[in-house]
Amino acid sequence: MHNQDQERPPFGCPHITEDDVERIAERAATKAIEKMKDDFYREVGKGFMNKLFVITGMAIVGISAWLHSKGFL
């Protein structure tokens, strides 16, 4: 039988208590926050790599133009 000391959730499931629902909700919220953080850091990493590639490409073009103007290329 159901323990009368534990309160049943509003949807009336006899197998899940309010504490169970709260624990499940807390785990779900924690996982959602972790996923959002991972996605944020992944996007920051992509932005950093894109900027790094652009700067590297500009440096290569600049050095090539400078070497060409000096007659080395």
Protein backbone atom coordinates (compact mmCIF):
# COMPACT_ATOMS: atom_id res chain seq x y z
CA MET A 1 0.00 0.00 0.00
CA HIS A 2 0.94 3.64 -0.42
CA ASN A 3 2.62 5.26 2.56
CA GLN A 4 0.25 7.95 3.87
CA ASP A 5 3.20 10.11 5.08
CA GLN A 6 4.34 10.75 1.52
CA GLU A 7 2.24 13.12 -0.51
CA ARG A 8 1.08 11.95 -3.92
CA PRO A 9 1.62 14.28 -6.89
CA PRO A 10 -1.39 16.12 -8.35
CA PHE A 11 -1.66 13.74 -11.30
CA GLY A 12 -2.40 10.90 -8.83
CA CYS A 13 0.20 8.27 -9.75
CA PRO A 14 0.47 5.93 -6.77
CA HIS A 15 4.05 4.91 -7.63
CA ILE A 16 5.75 8.33 -7.80
CA THR A 17 5.93 10.73 -4.89
CA GLU A 18 6.45 14.49 -4.93
CA ASP A 19 10.06 13.86 -3.88
CA ASP A 20 10.55 11.56 -6.87
CA VAL A 21 9.09 14.16 -9.24
CA GLU A 22 11.28 16.88 -7.75
CA ARG A 23 14.40 14.70 -8.00
CA ILE A 24 13.64 13.87 -11.64
CA ALA A 25 12.98 17.53 -12.47
CA GLU A 26 16.23 18.56 -10.81
CA ARG A 27 18.23 16.00 -12.80
CA ALA A 28 16.55 17.13 -16.03
CA ALA A 29 17.32 20.78 -15.27
CA THR A 30 20.95 19.96 -14.46
CA LYS A 31 21.35 18.06 -17.73
CA ALA A 32 19.75 20.92 -19.67
CA ILE A 33 22.14 23.45 -18.13
CA GLU A 34 25.15 21.23 -18.90
CA LYS A 35 24.00 20.88 -22.51
CA MET A 36 23.53 24.64 -22.85
CA LYS A 37 27.03 25.25 -21.45
CA ASP A 38 28.55 22.66 -23.81
CA ASP A 39 26.76 24.22 -26.79
CA PHE A 40 27.91 27.70 -25.75
CA TYR A 41 31.56 26.67 -25.44
CA ARG A 42 31.37 24.79 -28.75
CA GLU A 43 30.07 27.94 -30.49
CA VAL A 44 32.77 30.09 -28.84
CA GLY A 45 35.39 27.60 -30.02
CA LYS A 46 34.04 27.71 -33.58
CA GLY A 47 34.13 31.52 -33.58
CA PHE A 48 37.70 31.51 -32.26
CA MET A 49 38.86 29.02 -34.91
CA ASN A 50 37.17 30.98 -37.71
CA LYS A 51 38.92 34.19 -36.59
CA LEU A 52 42.22 32.33 -36.28
CA PHE A 53 41.90 31.02 -39.86
CA VAL A 54 41.04 34.47 -41.22
CA ILE A 55 43.99 36.11 -39.44
CA THR A 56 46.35 33.33 -40.58
CA GLY A 57 45.13 33.69 -44.17
CA MET A 58 45.58 37.46 -44.07
CA ALA A 59 49.10 37.05 -42.68
CA ILE A 60 50.03 34.57 -45.43
CA VAL A 61 48.68 36.88 -48.15
CA GLY A 62 50.49 39.88 -46.60
CA ILE A 63 53.81 38.04 -46.29
CA SER A 64 53.47 36.70 -49.84
CA ALA A 65 52.78 40.20 -51.20
CA TRP A 66 55.73 41.62 -49.24
CA LEU A 67 58.07 38.84 -50.46
CA HIS A 68 56.86 39.40 -54.03
CA SER A 69 57.48 43.16 -53.79
CA LYS A 70 61.04 42.46 -52.60
CA GLY A 71 61.65 40.06 -55.48
CA PHE A 72 61.86 36.88 -53.42
CA LEU A 73 58.81 35.31 -55.09
